[in-house]
Amino acid sequence: TDNERGVATGWNPGVLSERGIRQAKELGTL
């Protein structure tokens, strides 16, 4: 969600966006 907002996450945990969740699942398939 930070990537999508253009914000630097650094050492914060960060939360996958809906797009990020799809990307991660697709990566496993690829």
Full PDB file with SEQRES, HELIX, SHEET, SSBOND, CRYST1, ORIGX, SCALE, CONECT and MASTER records, all heavy atoms in Angstrom:
SEQRES   1 A   30  THR ASP ASN GLU ARG GLY VAL ALA THR GLY TRP ASN PRO          
SEQRES   2 A   30  GLY VAL LEU SER GLU ARG GLY ILE ARG GLN ALA LYS GLU          
SEQRES   3 A   30  LEU GLY THR LEU                                              
HELIX    1 AA1 ASP A    2  ARG A    5  1                                   4    
HELIX    2 AA2 GLU A   18  THR A   29  1                                  12    
CRYST1    1.000    1.000    1.000  90.00  90.00  90.00 P 1           1          
ORIGX1      1.000000  0.000000  0.000000        0.00000                         
ORIGX2      0.000000  1.000000  0.000000        0.00000                         
ORIGX3      0.000000  0.000000  1.000000        0.00000                         
SCALE1      1.000000  0.000000  0.000000        0.00000                         
SCALE2      0.000000  1.000000  0.000000        0.00000                         
SCALE3      0.000000  0.000000  1.000000        0.00000                         
ATOM      1  N   THR A   1       0.845  -1.198   0.000  1.00  0.00           N  
ATOM      2  CA  THR A   1       0.000   0.000   0.000  1.00  0.00           C  
ATOM      3  C   THR A   1       0.879   1.247   0.000  1.00  0.00           C  
ATOM      4  O   THR A   1       0.527   2.247  -0.626  1.00  0.00           O  
ATOM      5  CB  THR A   1      -0.961  -0.003   1.204  1.00  0.00           C  
ATOM      6  OG1 THR A   1      -0.207  -0.144   2.414  1.00  0.00           O  
ATOM      7  CG2 THR A   1      -1.971  -1.142   1.099  1.00  0.00           C  
ATOM      8  N   ASP A   2       2.027   1.195   0.666  1.00  0.00           N  
ATOM      9  CA  ASP A   2       2.967   2.323   0.635  1.00  0.00           C  
ATOM     10  C   ASP A   2       3.496   2.548  -0.774  1.00  0.00           C  
ATOM     11  O   ASP A   2       3.596   3.686  -1.232  1.00  0.00           O  
ATOM     12  CB  ASP A   2       4.144   2.093   1.590  1.00  0.00           C  
ATOM     13  CG  ASP A   2       3.807   2.351   3.043  1.00  0.00           C  
ATOM     14  OD1 ASP A   2       2.709   2.876   3.331  1.00  0.00           O  
ATOM     15  OD2 ASP A   2       4.647   2.029   3.901  1.00  0.00           O  
ATOM     16  N   ASN A   3       3.879   1.452  -1.476  1.00  0.00           N  
ATOM     17  CA  ASN A   3       4.353   1.596  -2.856  1.00  0.00           C  
ATOM     18  C   ASN A   3       3.311   2.323  -3.702  1.00  0.00           C  
ATOM     19  O   ASN A   3       3.642   3.222  -4.481  1.00  0.00           O  
ATOM     20  CB  ASN A   3       4.613   0.231  -3.514  1.00  0.00           C  
ATOM     21  CG  ASN A   3       5.731  -0.564  -2.894  1.00  0.00           C  
ATOM     22  OD1 ASN A   3       5.632  -1.794  -2.805  1.00  0.00           O  
ATOM     23  ND2 ASN A   3       6.806   0.074  -2.468  1.00  0.00           N  
ATOM     24  N   GLU A   4       2.071   1.929  -3.542  1.00  0.00           N  
ATOM     25  CA  GLU A   4       1.000   2.528  -4.346  1.00  0.00           C  
ATOM     26  C   GLU A   4       0.793   3.998  -4.015  1.00  0.00           C  
ATOM     27  O   GLU A   4       0.397   4.773  -4.880  1.00  0.00           O  
ATOM     28  CB  GLU A   4      -0.294   1.731  -4.169  1.00  0.00           C  
ATOM     29  CG  GLU A   4      -0.212   0.370  -4.835  1.00  0.00           C  
ATOM     30  CD  GLU A   4      -1.469  -0.464  -4.674  1.00  0.00           C  
ATOM     31  OE1 GLU A   4      -2.364  -0.086  -3.860  1.00  0.00           O  
ATOM     32  OE2 GLU A   4      -1.565  -1.494  -5.368  1.00  0.00           O  
ATOM     33  N   ARG A   5       1.084   4.383  -2.787  1.00  0.00           N  
ATOM     34  CA  ARG A   5       0.943   5.783  -2.388  1.00  0.00           C  
ATOM     35  C   ARG A   5       2.220   6.583  -2.623  1.00  0.00           C  
ATOM     36  O   ARG A   5       2.243   7.786  -2.372  1.00  0.00           O  
ATOM     37  CB  ARG A   5       0.564   5.877  -0.911  1.00  0.00           C  
ATOM     38  CG  ARG A   5      -0.831   5.345  -0.598  1.00  0.00           C  
ATOM     39  CD  ARG A   5      -1.161   5.423   0.871  1.00  0.00           C  
ATOM     40  NE  ARG A   5       0.003   5.016   1.667  1.00  0.00           N  
ATOM     41  CZ  ARG A   5       0.314   5.458   2.871  1.00  0.00           C  
ATOM     42  NH1 ARG A   5      -0.451   6.316   3.465  1.00  0.00           N  
ATOM     43  NH2 ARG A   5       1.382   5.026   3.515  1.00  0.00           N  
ATOM     44  N   GLY A   6       3.295   5.908  -3.062  1.00  0.00           N  
ATOM     45  CA  GLY A   6       4.558   6.591  -3.310  1.00  0.00           C  
ATOM     46  C   GLY A   6       5.296   6.954  -2.035  1.00  0.00           C  
ATOM     47  O   GLY A   6       6.021   7.938  -1.985  1.00  0.00           O  
ATOM     48  N   VAL A   7       5.146   6.122  -0.996  1.00  0.00           N  
ATOM     49  CA  VAL A   7       5.730   6.396   0.311  1.00  0.00           C  
ATOM     50  C   VAL A   7       6.822   5.364   0.603  1.00  0.00           C  
ATOM     51  O   VAL A   7       6.672   4.177   0.295  1.00  0.00           O  
ATOM     52  CB  VAL A   7       4.631   6.337   1.403  1.00  0.00           C  
ATOM     53  CG1 VAL A   7       5.209   6.396   2.796  1.00  0.00           C  
ATOM     54  CG2 VAL A   7       3.627   7.451   1.186  1.00  0.00           C  
ATOM     55  N   ALA A   8       7.923   5.800   1.214  1.00  0.00           N  
ATOM     56  CA  ALA A   8       9.034   4.920   1.576  1.00  0.00           C  
ATOM     57  C   ALA A   8       8.696   4.150   2.851  1.00  0.00           C  
ATOM     58  O   ALA A   8       8.385   4.749   3.874  1.00  0.00           O  
ATOM     59  CB  ALA A   8      10.303   5.735   1.774  1.00  0.00           C  
ATOM     60  N   THR A   9       8.790   2.829   2.789  1.00  0.00           N  
ATOM     61  CA  THR A   9       8.444   1.977   3.929  1.00  0.00           C  
ATOM     62  C   THR A   9       9.645   1.699   4.818  1.00  0.00           C  
ATOM     63  O   THR A   9       9.514   1.628   6.037  1.00  0.00           O  
ATOM     64  CB  THR A   9       7.842   0.649   3.433  1.00  0.00           C  
ATOM     65  OG1 THR A   9       6.825   0.932   2.480  1.00  0.00           O  
ATOM     66  CG2 THR A   9       7.243  -0.147   4.571  1.00  0.00           C  
ATOM     67  N   GLY A  10      10.822   1.525   4.229  1.00  0.00           N  
ATOM     68  CA  GLY A  10      12.026   1.263   5.014  1.00  0.00           C  
ATOM     69  C   GLY A  10      11.876   0.064   5.925  1.00  0.00           C  
ATOM     70  O   GLY A  10      11.505  -1.018   5.487  1.00  0.00           O  
ATOM     71  N   TRP A  11      12.134   0.247   7.226  1.00  0.00           N  
ATOM     72  CA  TRP A  11      12.059  -0.843   8.188  1.00  0.00           C  
ATOM     73  C   TRP A  11      10.658  -1.035   8.763  1.00  0.00           C  
ATOM     74  O   TRP A  11      10.460  -1.891   9.619  1.00  0.00           O  
ATOM     75  CB  TRP A  11      13.062  -0.628   9.310  1.00  0.00           C  
ATOM     76  CG  TRP A  11      14.454  -1.052   8.954  1.00  0.00           C  
ATOM     77  CD1 TRP A  11      14.964  -1.276   7.707  1.00  0.00           C  
ATOM     78  CD2 TRP A  11      15.512  -1.311   9.868  1.00  0.00           C  
ATOM     79  NE1 TRP A  11      16.270  -1.643   7.787  1.00  0.00           N  
ATOM     80  CE2 TRP A  11      16.652  -1.669   9.111  1.00  0.00           C  
ATOM     81  CE3 TRP A  11      15.632  -1.249  11.248  1.00  0.00           C  
ATOM     82  CZ2 TRP A  11      17.872  -1.996   9.688  1.00  0.00           C  
ATOM     83  CZ3 TRP A  11      16.862  -1.563  11.823  1.00  0.00           C  
ATOM     84  CH2 TRP A  11      17.954  -1.941  11.052  1.00  0.00           C  
ATOM     85  N   ASN A  12       9.678  -0.259   8.317  1.00  0.00           N  
ATOM     86  CA  ASN A  12       8.303  -0.522   8.732  1.00  0.00           C  
ATOM     87  C   ASN A  12       7.874  -1.859   8.129  1.00  0.00           C  
ATOM     88  O   ASN A  12       8.398  -2.265   7.088  1.00  0.00           O  
ATOM     89  CB  ASN A  12       7.365   0.586   8.262  1.00  0.00           C  
ATOM     90  CG  ASN A  12       7.514   1.848   9.082  1.00  0.00           C  
ATOM     91  OD1 ASN A  12       8.114   1.851  10.153  1.00  0.00           O  
ATOM     92  ND2 ASN A  12       6.981   2.951   8.569  1.00  0.00           N  
ATOM     93  N   PRO A  13       6.907  -2.531   8.737  1.00  0.00           N  
ATOM     94  CA  PRO A  13       6.510  -3.857   8.237  1.00  0.00           C  
ATOM     95  C   PRO A  13       5.985  -3.837   6.799  1.00  0.00           C  
ATOM     96  O   PRO A  13       6.337  -4.681   5.992  1.00  0.00           O  
ATOM     97  CB  PRO A  13       5.420  -4.314   9.202  1.00  0.00           C  
ATOM     98  CG  PRO A  13       5.487  -3.395  10.373  1.00  0.00           C  
ATOM     99  CD  PRO A  13       6.190  -2.150   9.945  1.00  0.00           C  
ATOM    100  N   GLY A  14       5.140  -2.858   6.488  1.00  0.00           N  
ATOM    101  CA  GLY A  14       4.540  -2.794   5.162  1.00  0.00           C  
ATOM    102  C   GLY A  14       3.412  -3.806   5.011  1.00  0.00           C  
ATOM    103  O   GLY A  14       3.456  -4.893   5.578  1.00  0.00           O  
ATOM    104  N   VAL A  15       2.394  -3.418   4.257  1.00  0.00           N  
ATOM    105  CA  VAL A  15       1.227  -4.268   4.026  1.00  0.00           C  
ATOM    106  C   VAL A  15       1.077  -4.455   2.524  1.00  0.00           C  
ATOM    107  O   VAL A  15       1.060  -3.477   1.767  1.00  0.00           O  
ATOM    108  CB  VAL A  15      -0.048  -3.601   4.602  1.00  0.00           C  
ATOM    109  CG1 VAL A  15      -1.285  -4.413   4.276  1.00  0.00           C  
ATOM    110  CG2 VAL A  15       0.088  -3.387   6.099  1.00  0.00           C  
ATOM    111  N   LEU A  16       0.957  -5.710   2.089  1.00  0.00           N  
ATOM    112  CA  LEU A  16       0.730  -5.958   0.671  1.00  0.00           C  
ATOM    113  C   LEU A  16      -0.635  -5.400   0.269  1.00  0.00           C  
ATOM    114  O   LEU A  16      -1.622  -5.580   0.983  1.00  0.00           O  
ATOM    115  CB  LEU A  16       0.762  -7.457   0.358  1.00  0.00           C  
ATOM    116  CG  LEU A  16       2.096  -8.178   0.517  1.00  0.00           C  
ATOM    117  CD1 LEU A  16       1.933  -9.655   0.161  1.00  0.00           C  
ATOM    118  CD2 LEU A  16       3.173  -7.538  -0.342  1.00  0.00           C  
ATOM    119  N   SER A  17      -0.671  -4.740  -0.874  1.00  0.00           N  
ATOM    120  CA  SER A  17      -1.937  -4.264  -1.423  1.00  0.00           C  
ATOM    121  C   SER A  17      -2.632  -5.446  -2.104  1.00  0.00           C  
ATOM    122  O   SER A  17      -2.058  -6.535  -2.229  1.00  0.00           O  
ATOM    123  CB  SER A  17      -1.670  -3.154  -2.447  1.00  0.00           C  
ATOM    124  OG  SER A  17      -0.991  -3.695  -3.572  1.00  0.00           O  
ATOM    125  N   GLU A  18      -3.842  -5.230  -2.571  1.00  0.00           N  
ATOM    126  CA  GLU A  18      -4.537  -6.285  -3.322  1.00  0.00           C  
ATOM    127  C   GLU A  18      -3.699  -6.700  -4.530  1.00  0.00           C  
ATOM    128  O   GLU A  18      -3.576  -7.887  -4.845  1.00  0.00           O  
ATOM    129  CB  GLU A  18      -5.930  -5.814  -3.752  1.00  0.00           C  
ATOM    130  CG  GLU A  18      -6.917  -5.713  -2.610  1.00  0.00           C  
ATOM    131  CD  GLU A  18      -7.125  -7.050  -1.895  1.00  0.00           C  
ATOM    132  OE1 GLU A  18      -7.248  -8.092  -2.575  1.00  0.00           O  
ATOM    133  OE2 GLU A  18      -7.159  -7.051  -0.643  1.00  0.00           O  
ATOM    134  N   ARG A  19      -3.115  -5.717  -5.188  1.00  0.00           N  
ATOM    135  CA  ARG A  19      -2.238  -6.000  -6.328  1.00  0.00           C  
ATOM    136  C   ARG A  19      -1.034  -6.828  -5.898  1.00  0.00           C  
ATOM    137  O   ARG A  19      -0.636  -7.777  -6.570  1.00  0.00           O  
ATOM    138  CB  ARG A  19      -1.798  -4.680  -6.960  1.00  0.00           C  
ATOM    139  CG  ARG A  19      -0.873  -4.834  -8.128  1.00  0.00           C  
ATOM    140  CD  ARG A  19      -0.603  -3.466  -8.754  1.00  0.00           C  
ATOM    141  NE  ARG A  19       0.599  -3.519  -9.543  1.00  0.00           N  
ATOM    142  CZ  ARG A  19       1.424  -2.518  -9.725  1.00  0.00           C  
ATOM    143  NH1 ARG A  19       1.180  -1.349  -9.161  1.00  0.00           N  
ATOM    144  NH2 ARG A  19       2.488  -2.652 -10.459  1.00  0.00           N  
ATOM    145  N   GLY A  20      -0.435  -6.467  -4.759  1.00  0.00           N  
ATOM    146  CA  GLY A  20       0.715  -7.203  -4.237  1.00  0.00           C  
ATOM    147  C   GLY A  20       0.376  -8.641  -3.886  1.00  0.00           C  
ATOM    148  O   GLY A  20       1.192  -9.551  -4.093  1.00  0.00           O  
ATOM    149  N   ILE A  21      -0.806  -8.857  -3.348  1.00  0.00           N  
ATOM    150  CA  ILE A  21      -1.266 -10.219  -3.038  1.00  0.00           C  
ATOM    151  C   ILE A  21      -1.388 -11.030  -4.329  1.00  0.00           C  
ATOM    152  O   ILE A  21      -0.911 -12.172  -4.406  1.00  0.00           O  
ATOM    153  CB  ILE A  21      -2.599 -10.178  -2.258  1.00  0.00           C  
ATOM    154  CG1 ILE A  21      -2.356  -9.599  -0.858  1.00  0.00           C  
ATOM    155  CG2 ILE A  21      -3.243 -11.562  -2.200  1.00  0.00           C  
ATOM    156  CD1 ILE A  21      -3.623  -9.253  -0.095  1.00  0.00           C  
ATOM    157  N   ARG A  22      -1.977 -10.432  -5.363  1.00  0.00           N  
ATOM    158  CA  ARG A  22      -2.088 -11.108  -6.673  1.00  0.00           C  
ATOM    159  C   ARG A  22      -0.699 -11.416  -7.234  1.00  0.00           C  
ATOM    160  O   ARG A  22      -0.452 -12.512  -7.741  1.00  0.00           O  
ATOM    161  CB  ARG A  22      -2.870 -10.259  -7.668  1.00  0.00           C  
ATOM    162  CG  ARG A  22      -4.369 -10.363  -7.553  1.00  0.00           C  
ATOM    163  CD  ARG A  22      -5.099  -9.767  -8.742  1.00  0.00           C  
ATOM    164  NE  ARG A  22      -4.632  -8.457  -9.167  1.00  0.00           N  
ATOM    165  CZ  ARG A  22      -4.976  -7.298  -8.605  1.00  0.00           C  
ATOM    166  NH1 ARG A  22      -5.810  -7.295  -7.589  1.00  0.00           N  
ATOM    167  NH2 ARG A  22      -4.489  -6.158  -9.055  1.00  0.00           N  
ATOM    168  N   GLN A  23       0.205 -10.427  -7.149  1.00  0.00           N  
ATOM    169  CA  GLN A  23       1.560 -10.615  -7.667  1.00  0.00           C  
ATOM    170  C   GLN A  23       2.261 -11.785  -6.970  1.00  0.00           C  
ATOM    171  O   GLN A  23       2.918 -12.597  -7.628  1.00  0.00           O  
ATOM    172  CB  GLN A  23       2.397  -9.347  -7.460  1.00  0.00           C  
ATOM    173  CG  GLN A  23       2.004  -8.194  -8.332  1.00  0.00           C  
ATOM    174  CD  GLN A  23       2.661  -6.893  -7.886  1.00  0.00           C  
ATOM    175  OE1 GLN A  23       2.998  -6.703  -6.718  1.00  0.00           O  
ATOM    176  NE2 GLN A  23       2.844  -5.982  -8.833  1.00  0.00           N  
ATOM    177  N   ALA A  24       2.137 -11.854  -5.658  1.00  0.00           N  
ATOM    178  CA  ALA A  24       2.793 -12.922  -4.903  1.00  0.00           C  
ATOM    179  C   ALA A  24       2.249 -14.288  -5.304  1.00  0.00           C  
ATOM    180  O   ALA A  24       3.016 -15.239  -5.520  1.00  0.00           O  
ATOM    181  CB  ALA A  24       2.624 -12.686  -3.402  1.00  0.00           C  
ATOM    182  N   LYS A  25       0.944 -14.388  -5.438  1.00  0.00           N  
ATOM    183  CA  LYS A  25       0.338 -15.661  -5.858  1.00  0.00           C  
ATOM    184  C   LYS A  25       0.770 -16.021  -7.276  1.00  0.00           C  
ATOM    185  O   LYS A  25       1.091 -17.180  -7.563  1.00  0.00           O  
ATOM    186  CB  LYS A  25      -1.182 -15.581  -5.756  1.00  0.00           C  
ATOM    187  CG  LYS A  25      -1.679 -15.543  -4.322  1.00  0.00           C  
ATOM    188  CD  LYS A  25      -3.182 -15.381  -4.276  1.00  0.00           C  
ATOM    189  CE  LYS A  25      -3.693 -15.344  -2.850  1.00  0.00           C  
ATOM    190  NZ  LYS A  25      -5.150 -15.102  -2.794  1.00  0.00           N  
ATOM    191  N   GLU A  26       0.791 -15.034  -8.162  1.00  0.00           N  
ATOM    192  CA  GLU A  26       1.218 -15.275  -9.546  1.00  0.00           C  
ATOM    193  C   GLU A  26       2.686 -15.678  -9.601  1.00  0.00           C  
ATOM    194  O   GLU A  26       3.072 -16.527 -10.412  1.00  0.00           O  
ATOM    195  CB  GLU A  26       0.971 -14.039 -10.411  1.00  0.00           C  
ATOM    196  CG  GLU A  26      -0.494 -13.791 -10.687  1.00  0.00           C  
ATOM    197  CD  GLU A  26      -0.774 -12.417 -11.298  1.00  0.00           C  
ATOM    198  OE1 GLU A  26       0.179 -11.693 -11.669  1.00  0.00           O  
ATOM    199  OE2 GLU A  26      -1.965 -12.063 -11.403  1.00  0.00           O  
ATOM    200  N   LEU A  27       3.516 -15.080  -8.748  1.00  0.00           N  
ATOM    201  CA  LEU A  27       4.925 -15.443  -8.700  1.00  0.00           C  
ATOM    202  C   LEU A  27       5.078 -16.930  -8.411  1.00  0.00           C  
ATOM    203  O   LEU A  27       5.858 -17.631  -9.073  1.00  0.00           O  
ATOM    204  CB  LEU A  27       5.673 -14.623  -7.650  1.00  0.00           C  
ATOM    205  CG  LEU A  27       7.130 -15.012  -7.424  1.00  0.00           C  
ATOM    206  CD1 LEU A  27       7.956 -14.794  -8.691  1.00  0.00           C  
ATOM    207  CD2 LEU A  27       7.708 -14.233  -6.258  1.00  0.00           C  
ATOM    208  N   GLY A  28       4.326 -17.420  -7.436  1.00  0.00           N  
ATOM    209  CA  GLY A  28       4.380 -18.843  -7.113  1.00  0.00           C  
ATOM    210  C   GLY A  28       4.042 -19.712  -8.308  1.00  0.00           C  
ATOM    211  O   GLY A  28       4.689 -20.738  -8.549  1.00  0.00           O  
ATOM    212  N   THR A  29       3.078 -19.287  -9.092  1.00  0.00           N  
ATOM    213  CA  THR A  29       2.705 -20.031 -10.296  1.00  0.00           C  
ATOM    214  C   THR A  29       3.805 -19.939 -11.347  1.00  0.00           C  
ATOM    215  O   THR A  29       4.164 -20.940 -11.975  1.00  0.00           O  
ATOM    216  CB  THR A  29       1.375 -19.477 -10.866  1.00  0.00           C  
ATOM    217  OG1 THR A  29       0.363 -19.617  -9.865  1.00  0.00           O  
ATOM    218  CG2 THR A  29       0.963 -20.226 -12.119  1.00  0.00           C  
ATOM    219  N   LEU A  30       4.374 -18.761 -11.534  1.00  0.00           N  
ATOM    220  CA  LEU A  30       5.403 -18.556 -12.548  1.00  0.00           C  
ATOM    221  C   LEU A  30       6.672 -19.367 -12.284  1.00  0.00           C  
ATOM    222  O   LEU A  30       7.367 -19.752 -13.228  1.00  0.00           O  
ATOM    223  CB  LEU A  30       5.770 -17.072 -12.652  1.00  0.00           C  
ATOM    224  CG  LEU A  30       4.717 -16.154 -13.267  1.00  0.00           C  
ATOM    225  CD1 LEU A  30       5.115 -14.690 -13.087  1.00  0.00           C  
ATOM    226  CD2 LEU A  30       4.527 -16.479 -14.741  1.00  0.00           C  
TER     227      LEU A  30                                                      
MASTER        0    0    0    2    0    0    0    6  226    1    0    3          
END                                                                             
